[in-house]
């Protein structure tokens, strides 16, 4: 299993990556394009790598309020106005390309 890269240029479409805490994640081509466009520092990848966290004041994955989605990445500081949403499918957290602003 491949480790999750720390920048979007190294992420490959529909490849399953494993975070250090064992979470399996995968990204659509659309999600990778959004990551390259809006997350040049890879903050969302760091949040995904960290895994689930309490919602307040933490960088990581938190519950998504979007219908049909399970978790979203949350980053703090500059670039923290976007959330990347994911669905848990057969044990893999899949990011299809939904980004929202909060």
PDB file of N, CA and C in Angstrom:
ATOM      1  N   UNK A   1       0.852  -1.188   0.000  1.00  0.00           N
ATOM      2  CA  UNK A   1       0.000   0.000   0.000  1.00  0.00           C
ATOM      3  C   UNK A   1       0.892   1.244   0.000  1.00  0.00           C
ATOM      4  N   UNK A   2       0.555   2.209  -0.831  1.00  0.00           N
ATOM      5  CA  UNK A   2       1.339   3.436  -0.923  1.00  0.00           C
ATOM      6  C   UNK A   2       0.976   4.407   0.195  1.00  0.00           C
ATOM      7  N   UNK A   3       1.980   5.145   0.664  1.00  0.00           N
ATOM      8  CA  UNK A   3       1.753   6.205   1.650  1.00  0.00           C
ATOM      9  C   UNK A   3       1.130   7.405   0.937  1.00  0.00           C
ATOM     10  N   UNK A   4       0.326   8.154   1.661  1.00  0.00           N
ATOM     11  CA  UNK A   4      -0.306   9.353   1.105  1.00  0.00           C
ATOM     12  C   UNK A   4       0.773  10.406   0.820  1.00  0.00           C
ATOM     13  N   UNK A   5       0.871  10.894  -0.437  1.00  0.00           N
ATOM     14  CA  UNK A   5       1.861  11.936  -0.751  1.00  0.00           C
ATOM     15  C   UNK A   5       1.556  13.229   0.009  1.00  0.00           C
ATOM     16  N   UNK A   6       2.553  14.114   0.103  1.00  0.00           N
ATOM     17  CA  UNK A   6       2.305  15.381   0.791  1.00  0.00           C
ATOM     18  C   UNK A   6       2.109  16.549  -0.161  1.00  0.00           C
ATOM     19  N   UNK A   7       2.037  16.271  -1.471  1.00  0.00           N
ATOM     20  CA  UNK A   7       1.630  17.322  -2.404  1.00  0.00           C
ATOM     21  C   UNK A   7       0.765  16.708  -3.506  1.00  0.00           C
ATOM     22  N   UNK A   8      -0.114  17.557  -4.042  1.00  0.00           N
ATOM     23  CA  UNK A   8      -1.135  17.077  -4.979  1.00  0.00           C
ATOM     24  C   UNK A   8      -0.562  16.593  -6.304  1.00  0.00           C
ATOM     25  N   UNK A   9       0.615  17.099  -6.690  1.00  0.00           N
ATOM     26  CA  UNK A   9       1.204  16.674  -7.970  1.00  0.00           C
ATOM     27  C   UNK A   9       1.605  15.202  -7.948  1.00  0.00           C
ATOM     28  N   UNK A  10       1.831  14.651  -6.758  1.00  0.00           N
ATOM     29  CA  UNK A  10       2.233  13.244  -6.634  1.00  0.00           C
ATOM     30  C   UNK A  10       1.056  12.291  -6.436  1.00  0.00           C
ATOM     31  N   UNK A  11      -0.149  12.841  -6.247  1.00  0.00           N
ATOM     32  CA  UNK A  11      -1.339  12.012  -6.036  1.00  0.00           C
ATOM     33  C   UNK A  11      -1.823  11.500  -7.393  1.00  0.00           C
ATOM     34  N   UNK A  12      -2.105  10.211  -7.466  1.00  0.00           N
ATOM     35  CA  UNK A  12      -2.586   9.618  -8.713  1.00  0.00           C
ATOM     36  C   UNK A  12      -4.068   9.280  -8.600  1.00  0.00           C
ATOM     37  N   UNK A  13      -4.778   9.479  -9.702  1.00  0.00           N
ATOM     38  CA  UNK A  13      -6.216   9.228  -9.765  1.00  0.00           C
ATOM     39  C   UNK A  13      -6.543   7.777  -9.396  1.00  0.00           C
ATOM     40  N   UNK A  14      -7.529   7.623  -8.517  1.00  0.00           N
ATOM     41  CA  UNK A  14      -8.089   6.324  -8.129  1.00  0.00           C
ATOM     42  C   UNK A  14      -7.076   5.328  -7.552  1.00  0.00           C
ATOM     43  N   UNK A  15      -5.925   5.816  -7.115  1.00  0.00           N
ATOM     44  CA  UNK A  15      -4.969   4.982  -6.394  1.00  0.00           C
ATOM     45  C   UNK A  15      -5.365   4.993  -4.924  1.00  0.00           C
ATOM     46  N   UNK A  16      -5.284   3.856  -4.263  1.00  0.00           N
ATOM     47  CA  UNK A  16      -5.613   3.804  -2.840  1.00  0.00           C
ATOM     48  C   UNK A  16      -4.325   4.013  -2.041  1.00  0.00           C
ATOM     49  N   UNK A  17      -4.367   5.021  -1.185  1.00  0.00           N
ATOM     50  CA  UNK A  17      -3.241   5.354  -0.302  1.00  0.00           C
ATOM     51  C   UNK A  17      -3.608   5.006   1.131  1.00  0.00           C
ATOM     52  N   UNK A  18      -2.592   4.763   1.943  1.00  0.00           N
ATOM     53  CA  UNK A  18      -2.826   4.482   3.355  1.00  0.00           C
ATOM     54  C   UNK A  18      -2.117   5.540   4.193  1.00  0.00           C
ATOM     55  N   UNK A  19      -2.866   6.150   5.128  1.00  0.00           N
ATOM     56  CA  UNK A  19      -2.263   7.133   6.029  1.00  0.00           C
ATOM     57  C   UNK A  19      -1.496   6.400   7.125  1.00  0.00           C
ATOM     58  N   UNK A  20      -0.724   7.153   7.887  1.00  0.00           N
ATOM     59  CA  UNK A  20       0.073   6.543   8.951  1.00  0.00           C
ATOM     60  C   UNK A  20      -0.796   5.875  10.016  1.00  0.00           C
ATOM     61  N   UNK A  21      -2.049   6.340  10.170  1.00  0.00           N
ATOM     62  CA  UNK A  21      -2.932   5.710  11.161  1.00  0.00           C
ATOM     63  C   UNK A  21      -3.832   4.634  10.548  1.00  0.00           C
ATOM     64  N   UNK A  22      -3.543   4.231   9.286  1.00  0.00           N
ATOM     65  CA  UNK A  22      -4.239   3.101   8.683  1.00  0.00           C
ATOM     66  C   UNK A  22      -5.453   3.420   7.843  1.00  0.00           C
ATOM     67  N   UNK A  23      -5.819   4.697   7.739  1.00  0.00           N
ATOM     68  CA  UNK A  23      -6.976   5.079   6.928  1.00  0.00           C
ATOM     69  C   UNK A  23      -6.640   4.907   5.446  1.00  0.00           C
ATOM     70  N   UNK A  24      -7.555   4.296   4.700  1.00  0.00           N
ATOM     71  CA  UNK A  24      -7.393   4.143   3.253  1.00  0.00           C
ATOM     72  C   UNK A  24      -8.120   5.282   2.564  1.00  0.00           C
ATOM     73  N   UNK A  25      -7.432   5.972   1.638  1.00  0.00           N
ATOM     74  CA  UNK A  25      -8.017   7.112   0.937  1.00  0.00           C
ATOM     75  C   UNK A  25      -7.725   7.024  -0.557  1.00  0.00           C
ATOM     76  N   UNK A  26      -8.631   7.617  -1.349  1.00  0.00           N
ATOM     77  CA  UNK A  26      -8.477   7.641  -2.799  1.00  0.00           C
ATOM     78  C   UNK A  26      -9.098   8.934  -3.324  1.00  0.00           C
ATOM     79  N   UNK A  27      -8.607   9.391  -4.483  1.00  0.00           N
ATOM     80  CA  UNK A  27      -9.013  10.685  -5.021  1.00  0.00           C
ATOM     81  C   UNK A  27      -9.377  10.573  -6.503  1.00  0.00           C
ATOM     82  N   UNK A  28     -10.448  11.283  -6.884  1.00  0.00           N
ATOM     83  CA  UNK A  28     -10.801  11.364  -8.302  1.00  0.00           C
ATOM     84  C   UNK A  28      -9.876  12.365  -8.984  1.00  0.00           C
ATOM     85  N   UNK A  29      -9.848  12.323 -10.300  1.00  0.00           N
ATOM     86  CA  UNK A  29      -9.067  13.295 -11.064  1.00  0.00           C
ATOM     87  C   UNK A  29      -9.541  14.712 -10.764  1.00  0.00           C
ATOM     88  N   UNK A  30     -10.852  14.886 -10.640  1.00  0.00           N
ATOM     89  CA  UNK A  30     -11.422  16.209 -10.339  1.00  0.00           C
ATOM     90  C   UNK A  30     -10.909  16.720  -8.992  1.00  0.00           C
ATOM     91  N   UNK A  31     -10.835  15.841  -8.001  1.00  0.00           N
ATOM     92  CA  UNK A  31     -10.357  16.245  -6.677  1.00  0.00           C
ATOM     93  C   UNK A  31      -8.884  16.659  -6.733  1.00  0.00           C
ATOM     94  N   UNK A  32      -8.098  15.921  -7.477  1.00  0.00           N
ATOM     95  CA  UNK A  32      -6.679  16.255  -7.611  1.00  0.00           C
ATOM     96  C   UNK A  32      -6.514  17.627  -8.268  1.00  0.00           C
ATOM     97  N   UNK A  33      -7.308  17.908  -9.303  1.00  0.00           N
ATOM     98  CA  UNK A  33      -7.260  19.218  -9.961  1.00  0.00           C
ATOM     99  C   UNK A  33      -7.597  20.336  -8.976  1.00  0.00           C
ATOM    100  N   UNK A  34      -8.629  20.115  -8.145  1.00  0.00           N
ATOM    101  CA  UNK A  34      -9.004  21.119  -7.140  1.00  0.00           C
ATOM    102  C   UNK A  34      -7.884  21.298  -6.123  1.00  0.00           C
ATOM    103  N   UNK A  35      -7.258  20.196  -5.727  1.00  0.00           N
ATOM    104  CA  UNK A  35      -6.151  20.273  -4.785  1.00  0.00           C
ATOM    105  C   UNK A  35      -4.993  21.081  -5.346  1.00  0.00           C
ATOM    106  N   UNK A  36      -4.641  20.842  -6.597  1.00  0.00           N
ATOM    107  CA  UNK A  36      -3.546  21.582  -7.237  1.00  0.00           C
ATOM    108  C   UNK A  36      -3.903  23.069  -7.338  1.00  0.00           C
ATOM    109  N   UNK A  37      -5.156  23.355  -7.637  1.00  0.00           N
ATOM    110  CA  UNK A  37      -5.588  24.747  -7.815  1.00  0.00           C
ATOM    111  C   UNK A  37      -5.669  25.511  -6.493  1.00  0.00           C
ATOM    112  N   UNK A  38      -6.228  24.881  -5.450  1.00  0.00           N
ATOM    113  CA  UNK A  38      -6.543  25.620  -4.220  1.00  0.00           C
ATOM    114  C   UNK A  38      -5.678  25.254  -3.012  1.00  0.00           C
ATOM    115  N   UNK A  39      -4.862  24.240  -3.104  1.00  0.00           N
ATOM    116  CA  UNK A  39      -4.142  23.763  -1.919  1.00  0.00           C
ATOM    117  C   UNK A  39      -2.664  23.514  -2.251  1.00  0.00           C
ATOM    118  N   UNK A  40      -1.989  24.578  -2.708  1.00  0.00           N
ATOM    119  CA  UNK A  40      -0.603  24.429  -3.138  1.00  0.00           C
ATOM    120  C   UNK A  40       0.324  23.947  -2.019  1.00  0.00           C
ATOM    121  N   UNK A  41      -0.005  24.238  -0.777  1.00  0.00           N
ATOM    122  CA  UNK A  41       0.862  23.832   0.351  1.00  0.00           C
ATOM    123  C   UNK A  41       0.523  22.446   0.886  1.00  0.00           C
ATOM    124  N   UNK A  42      -0.504  21.804   0.328  1.00  0.00           N
ATOM    125  CA  UNK A  42      -0.860  20.456   0.757  1.00  0.00           C
ATOM    126  C   UNK A  42      -1.474  20.376   2.139  1.00  0.00           C
ATOM    127  N   UNK A  43      -2.083  21.469   2.596  1.00  0.00           N
ATOM    128  CA  UNK A  43      -2.695  21.468   3.938  1.00  0.00           C
ATOM    129  C   UNK A  43      -3.809  20.429   4.053  1.00  0.00           C
ATOM    130  N   UNK A  44      -4.594  20.278   2.994  1.00  0.00           N
ATOM    131  CA  UNK A  44      -5.681  19.302   3.054  1.00  0.00           C
ATOM    132  C   UNK A  44      -5.129  17.879   3.106  1.00  0.00           C
ATOM    133  N   UNK A  45      -4.030  17.625   2.409  1.00  0.00           N
ATOM    134  CA  UNK A  45      -3.412  16.295   2.494  1.00  0.00           C
ATOM    135  C   UNK A  45      -2.901  16.026   3.913  1.00  0.00           C
ATOM    136  N   UNK A  46      -2.359  17.057   4.566  1.00  0.00           N
ATOM    137  CA  UNK A  46      -1.906  16.911   5.958  1.00  0.00           C
ATOM    138  C   UNK A  46      -3.104  16.624   6.872  1.00  0.00           C
ATOM    139  N   UNK A  47      -4.232  17.302   6.598  1.00  0.00           N
ATOM    140  CA  UNK A  47      -5.443  17.088   7.401  1.00  0.00           C
ATOM    141  C   UNK A  47      -5.956  15.656   7.214  1.00  0.00           C
ATOM    142  N   UNK A  48      -5.932  15.176   5.981  1.00  0.00           N
ATOM    143  CA  UNK A  48      -6.382  13.812   5.698  1.00  0.00           C
ATOM    144  C   UNK A  48      -5.442  12.814   6.381  1.00  0.00           C
ATOM    145  N   UNK A  49      -4.149  13.098   6.314  1.00  0.00           N
ATOM    146  CA  UNK A  49      -3.150  12.233   6.948  1.00  0.00           C
ATOM    147  C   UNK A  49      -3.392  12.139   8.456  1.00  0.00           C
ATOM    148  N   UNK A  50      -3.785  13.241   9.068  1.00  0.00           N
ATOM    149  CA  UNK A  50      -4.008  13.266  10.520  1.00  0.00           C
ATOM    150  C   UNK A  50      -5.206  12.411  10.933  1.00  0.00           C
ATOM    151  N   UNK A  51      -6.236  12.361  10.078  1.00  0.00           N
ATOM    152  CA  UNK A  51      -7.420  11.560  10.387  1.00  0.00           C
ATOM    153  C   UNK A  51      -8.478  12.350  11.137  1.00  0.00           C
ATOM    154  N   UNK A  52      -9.405  11.625  11.758  1.00  0.00           N
ATOM    155  CA  UNK A  52     -10.538  12.267  12.432  1.00  0.00           C
ATOM    156  C   UNK A  52     -10.099  12.983  13.695  1.00  0.00           C
ATOM    157  N   UNK A  53     -10.647  14.197  13.872  1.00  0.00           N
ATOM    158  CA  UNK A  53     -10.333  15.044  15.032  1.00  0.00           C
ATOM    159  C   UNK A  53     -11.616  15.694  15.533  1.00  0.00           C
ATOM    160  N   UNK A  54     -11.608  16.206  16.781  1.00  0.00           N
ATOM    161  CA  UNK A  54     -12.743  17.012  17.244  1.00  0.00           C
ATOM    162  C   UNK A  54     -12.867  18.254  16.360  1.00  0.00           C
ATOM    163  N   UNK A  55     -14.078  18.723  16.134  1.00  0.00           N
ATOM    164  CA  UNK A  55     -14.333  19.779  15.163  1.00  0.00           C
ATOM    165  C   UNK A  55     -13.760  21.142  15.459  1.00  0.00           C
ATOM    166  N   UNK A  56     -13.577  21.498  16.713  1.00  0.00           N
ATOM    167  CA  UNK A  56     -13.168  22.859  17.041  1.00  0.00           C
ATOM    168  C   UNK A  56     -11.657  23.013  17.166  1.00  0.00           C
ATOM    169  N   UNK A  57     -11.108  23.931  16.362  1.00  0.00           N
ATOM    170  CA  UNK A  57      -9.710  24.301  16.507  1.00  0.00           C
ATOM    171  C   UNK A  57      -8.697  23.254  16.091  1.00  0.00           C
ATOM    172  N   UNK A  58      -9.099  22.291  15.295  1.00  0.00           N
ATOM    173  CA  UNK A  58      -8.182  21.233  14.881  1.00  0.00           C
ATOM    174  C   UNK A  58      -8.104  21.122  13.367  1.00  0.00           C
ATOM    175  N   UNK A  59      -6.925  20.738  12.892  1.00  0.00           N
ATOM    176  CA  UNK A  59      -6.718  20.394  11.492  1.00  0.00           C
ATOM    177  C   UNK A  59      -6.915  18.887  11.395  1.00  0.00           C
ATOM    178  N   UNK A  60      -7.728  18.445  10.453  1.00  0.00           N
ATOM    179  CA  UNK A  60      -7.965  17.005  10.299  1.00  0.00           C
ATOM    180  C   UNK A  60      -9.265  16.740   9.568  1.00  0.00           C
ATOM    181  N   UNK A  61      -9.825  15.568   9.811  1.00  0.00           N
ATOM    182  CA  UNK A  61     -11.104  15.185   9.202  1.00  0.00           C
ATOM    183  C   UNK A  61     -12.220  15.337  10.224  1.00  0.00           C
ATOM    184  N   UNK A  62     -13.304  15.967   9.800  1.00  0.00           N
ATOM    185  CA  UNK A  62     -14.475  16.170  10.653  1.00  0.00           C
ATOM    186  C   UNK A  62     -15.711  15.724   9.872  1.00  0.00           C
ATOM    187  N   UNK A  63     -16.845  15.488  10.565  1.00  0.00           N
ATOM    188  CA  UNK A  63     -18.055  15.064   9.850  1.00  0.00           C
ATOM    189  C   UNK A  63     -18.498  16.090   8.793  1.00  0.00           C
ATOM    190  N   UNK A  64     -18.944  15.594   7.653  1.00  0.00           N
ATOM    191  CA  UNK A  64     -19.457  16.445   6.581  1.00  0.00           C
ATOM    192  C   UNK A  64     -20.947  16.665   6.774  1.00  0.00           C
ATOM    193  N   UNK A  65     -21.413  17.883   6.483  1.00  0.00           N
ATOM    194  CA  UNK A  65     -22.846  18.176   6.532  1.00  0.00           C
ATOM    195  C   UNK A  65     -23.501  17.997   5.170  1.00  0.00           C
ATOM    196  N   UNK A  66     -22.713  17.680   4.156  1.00  0.00           N
ATOM    197  CA  UNK A  66     -23.261  17.494   2.818  1.00  0.00           C
ATOM    198  C   UNK A  66     -23.932  16.124   2.731  1.00  0.00           C
ATOM    199  N   UNK A  67     -25.130  16.086   2.159  1.00  0.00           N
ATOM    200  CA  UNK A  67     -25.862  14.829   2.045  1.00  0.00           C
ATOM    201  C   UNK A  67     -25.091  13.820   1.194  1.00  0.00           C
ATOM    202  N   UNK A  68     -24.973  12.603   1.692  1.00  0.00           N
ATOM    203  CA  UNK A  68     -24.282  11.550   0.970  1.00  0.00           C
ATOM    204  C   UNK A  68     -22.783  11.503   1.216  1.00  0.00           C
ATOM    205  N   UNK A  69     -22.268  12.425   2.027  1.00  0.00           N
ATOM    206  CA  UNK A  69     -20.837  12.471   2.333  1.00  0.00           C
ATOM    207  C   UNK A  69     -20.623  12.186   3.814  1.00  0.00           C
ATOM    208  N   UNK A  70     -19.498  11.578   4.136  1.00  0.00           N
ATOM    209  CA  UNK A  70     -19.226  11.177   5.515  1.00  0.00           C
ATOM    210  C   UNK A  70     -18.291  12.124   6.264  1.00  0.00           C
ATOM    211  N   UNK A  71     -17.176  12.479   5.631  1.00  0.00           N
ATOM    212  CA  UNK A  71     -16.184  13.325   6.290  1.00  0.00           C
ATOM    213  C   UNK A  71     -15.738  14.434   5.357  1.00  0.00           C
ATOM    214  N   UNK A  72     -15.121  15.460   5.940  1.00  0.00           N
ATOM    215  CA  UNK A  72     -14.528  16.536   5.150  1.00  0.00           C
ATOM    216  C   UNK A  72     -13.209  16.926   5.792  1.00  0.00           C
ATOM    217  N   UNK A  73     -12.290  17.412   4.954  1.00  0.00           N
ATOM    218  CA  UNK A  73     -11.020  17.881   5.482  1.00  0.00           C
ATOM    219  C   UNK A  73     -11.195  19.306   5.988  1.00  0.00           C
ATOM    220  N   UNK A  74     -10.541  19.591   7.101  1.00  0.00           N
ATOM    221  CA  UNK A  74     -10.617  20.924   7.697  1.00  0.00           C
ATOM    222  C   UNK A  74      -9.193  21.401   7.928  1.00  0.00           C
ATOM    223  N   UNK A  75      -8.881  22.579   7.389  1.00  0.00           N
ATOM    224  CA  UNK A  75      -7.565  23.168   7.619  1.00  0.00           C
ATOM    225  C   UNK A  75      -7.747  24.528   8.284  1.00  0.00           C
ATOM    226  N   UNK A  76      -6.697  24.974   8.930  1.00  0.00           N
ATOM    227  CA  UNK A  76      -6.737  26.236   9.661  1.00  0.00           C
ATOM    228  C   UNK A  76      -5.840  27.258   8.979  1.00  0.00           C
ATOM    229  N   UNK A  77      -6.090  28.526   9.244  1.00  0.00           N
ATOM    230  CA  UNK A  77      -5.238  29.586   8.718  1.00  0.00           C
ATOM    231  C   UNK A  77      -5.482  29.867   7.255  1.00  0.00           C
ATOM    232  N   UNK A  78      -4.471  30.400   6.585  1.00  0.00           N
ATOM    233  CA  UNK A  78      -4.577  30.765   5.166  1.00  0.00           C
ATOM    234  C   UNK A  78      -4.932  29.536   4.336  1.00  0.00           C
ATOM    235  N   UNK A  79      -5.960  29.664   3.512  1.00  0.00           N
ATOM    236  CA  UNK A  79      -6.418  28.538   2.699  1.00  0.00           C
ATOM    237  C   UNK A  79      -7.451  27.679   3.407  1.00  0.00           C
ATOM    238  N   UNK A  80      -7.819  28.073   4.610  1.00  0.00           N
ATOM    239  CA  UNK A  80      -8.750  27.279   5.403  1.00  0.00           C
ATOM    240  C   UNK A  80     -10.206  27.526   5.123  1.00  0.00           C
ATOM    241  N   UNK A  81     -10.500  28.258   4.057  1.00  0.00           N
ATOM    242  CA  UNK A  81     -11.896  28.573   3.753  1.00  0.00           C
ATOM    243  C   UNK A  81     -12.568  27.498   2.908  1.00  0.00           C
ATOM    244  N   UNK A  82     -11.841  26.478   2.510  1.00  0.00           N
ATOM    245  CA  UNK A  82     -12.429  25.386   1.717  1.00  0.00           C
ATOM    246  C   UNK A  82     -12.410  24.085   2.499  1.00  0.00           C
ATOM    247  N   UNK A  83     -13.391  23.229   2.188  1.00  0.00           N
ATOM    248  CA  UNK A  83     -13.453  21.887   2.766  1.00  0.00           C
ATOM    249  C   UNK A  83     -13.579  20.902   1.601  1.00  0.00           C
ATOM    250  N   UNK A  84     -12.850  19.804   1.677  1.00  0.00           N
ATOM    251  CA  UNK A  84     -12.932  18.747   0.678  1.00  0.00           C
ATOM    252  C   UNK A  84     -13.733  17.602   1.280  1.00  0.00           C
ATOM    253  N   UNK A  85     -14.809  17.206   0.620  1.00  0.00           N
ATOM    254  CA  UNK A  85     -15.735  16.219   1.166  1.00  0.00           C
ATOM    255  C   UNK A  85     -15.462  14.827   0.597  1.00  0.00           C
ATOM    256  N   UNK A  86     -15.711  13.814   1.433  1.00  0.00           N
ATOM    257  CA  UNK A  86     -15.412  12.436   1.037  1.00  0.00           C
ATOM    258  C   UNK A  86     -16.513  11.485   1.480  1.00  0.00           C
ATOM    259  N   UNK A  87     -16.609  10.375   0.732  1.00  0.00           N
ATOM    260  CA  UNK A  87     -17.567   9.308   1.032  1.00  0.00           C
ATOM    261  C   UNK A  87     -16.777   8.064   1.425  1.00  0.00           C
ATOM    262  N   UNK A  88     -17.262   7.350   2.418  1.00  0.00           N
ATOM    263  CA  UNK A  88     -16.650   6.086   2.802  1.00  0.00           C
ATOM    264  C   UNK A  88     -17.292   4.988   1.948  1.00  0.00           C
ATOM    265  N   UNK A  89     -16.487   4.381   1.070  1.00  0.00           N
ATOM    266  CA  UNK A  89     -16.989   3.350   0.152  1.00  0.00           C
ATOM    267  C   UNK A  89     -16.134   2.102   0.327  1.00  0.00           C
ATOM    268  N   UNK A  90     -16.753   1.028   0.808  1.00  0.00           N
ATOM    269  CA  UNK A  90     -16.044  -0.247   0.998  1.00  0.00           C
ATOM    270  C   UNK A  90     -14.739  -0.086   1.773  1.00  0.00           C
ATOM    271  N   UNK A  91     -14.774   0.718   2.828  1.00  0.00           N
ATOM    272  CA  UNK A  91     -13.611   0.887   3.693  1.00  0.00           C
ATOM    273  C   UNK A  91     -12.578   1.891   3.203  1.00  0.00           C
ATOM    274  N   UNK A  92     -12.855   2.535   2.065  1.00  0.00           N
ATOM    275  CA  UNK A  92     -11.928   3.533   1.515  1.00  0.00           C
ATOM    276  C   UNK A  92     -12.620   4.905   1.538  1.00  0.00           C
ATOM    277  N   UNK A  93     -11.937   5.907   2.072  1.00  0.00           N
ATOM    278  CA  UNK A  93     -12.461   7.265   2.067  1.00  0.00           C
ATOM    279  C   UNK A  93     -12.158   7.877   0.699  1.00  0.00           C
ATOM    280  N   UNK A  94     -13.212   8.063  -0.101  1.00  0.00           N
ATOM    281  CA  UNK A  94     -13.070   8.505  -1.491  1.00  0.00           C
ATOM    282  C   UNK A  94     -13.451   9.974  -1.627  1.00  0.00           C
ATOM    283  N   UNK A  95     -12.545  10.760  -2.211  1.00  0.00           N
ATOM    284  CA  UNK A  95     -12.773  12.183  -2.449  1.00  0.00           C
ATOM    285  C   UNK A  95     -13.117  12.377  -3.927  1.00  0.00           C
ATOM    286  N   UNK A  96     -14.428  12.538  -4.255  1.00  0.00           N
ATOM    287  CA  UNK A  96     -14.852  12.609  -5.660  1.00  0.00           C
ATOM    288  C   UNK A  96     -14.646  13.967  -6.310  1.00  0.00           C
ATOM    289  N   UNK A  97     -14.385  15.008  -5.525  1.00  0.00           N
ATOM    290  CA  UNK A  97     -14.175  16.323  -6.132  1.00  0.00           C
ATOM    291  C   UNK A  97     -15.134  17.383  -5.646  1.00  0.00           C
ATOM    292  N   UNK A  98     -15.774  17.190  -4.497  1.00  0.00           N
ATOM    293  CA  UNK A  98     -16.659  18.201  -3.944  1.00  0.00           C
ATOM    294  C   UNK A  98     -15.874  19.067  -2.958  1.00  0.00           C
ATOM    295  N   UNK A  99     -15.779  20.351  -3.283  1.00  0.00           N
ATOM    296  CA  UNK A  99     -15.154  21.309  -2.383  1.00  0.00           C
ATOM    297  C   UNK A  99     -16.200  22.366  -2.061  1.00  0.00           C
ATOM    298  N   UNK A 100     -16.308  22.744  -0.801  1.00  0.00           N
ATOM    299  CA  UNK A 100     -17.235  23.792  -0.402  1.00  0.00           C
ATOM    300  C   UNK A 100     -16.457  24.855   0.352  1.00  0.00           C
ATOM    301  N   UNK A 101     -17.064  26.049   0.411  1.00  0.00           N
ATOM    302  CA  UNK A 101     -16.509  27.119   1.228  1.00  0.00           C
ATOM    303  C   UNK A 101     -17.384  27.255   2.445  1.00  0.00           C
ATOM    304  N   UNK A 102     -16.775  27.647   3.552  1.00  0.00           N
ATOM    305  CA  UNK A 102     -17.583  27.789   4.773  1.00  0.00           C
ATOM    306  C   UNK A 102     -17.676  29.236   5.189  1.00  0.00           C
TER     307      UNK A 102
END
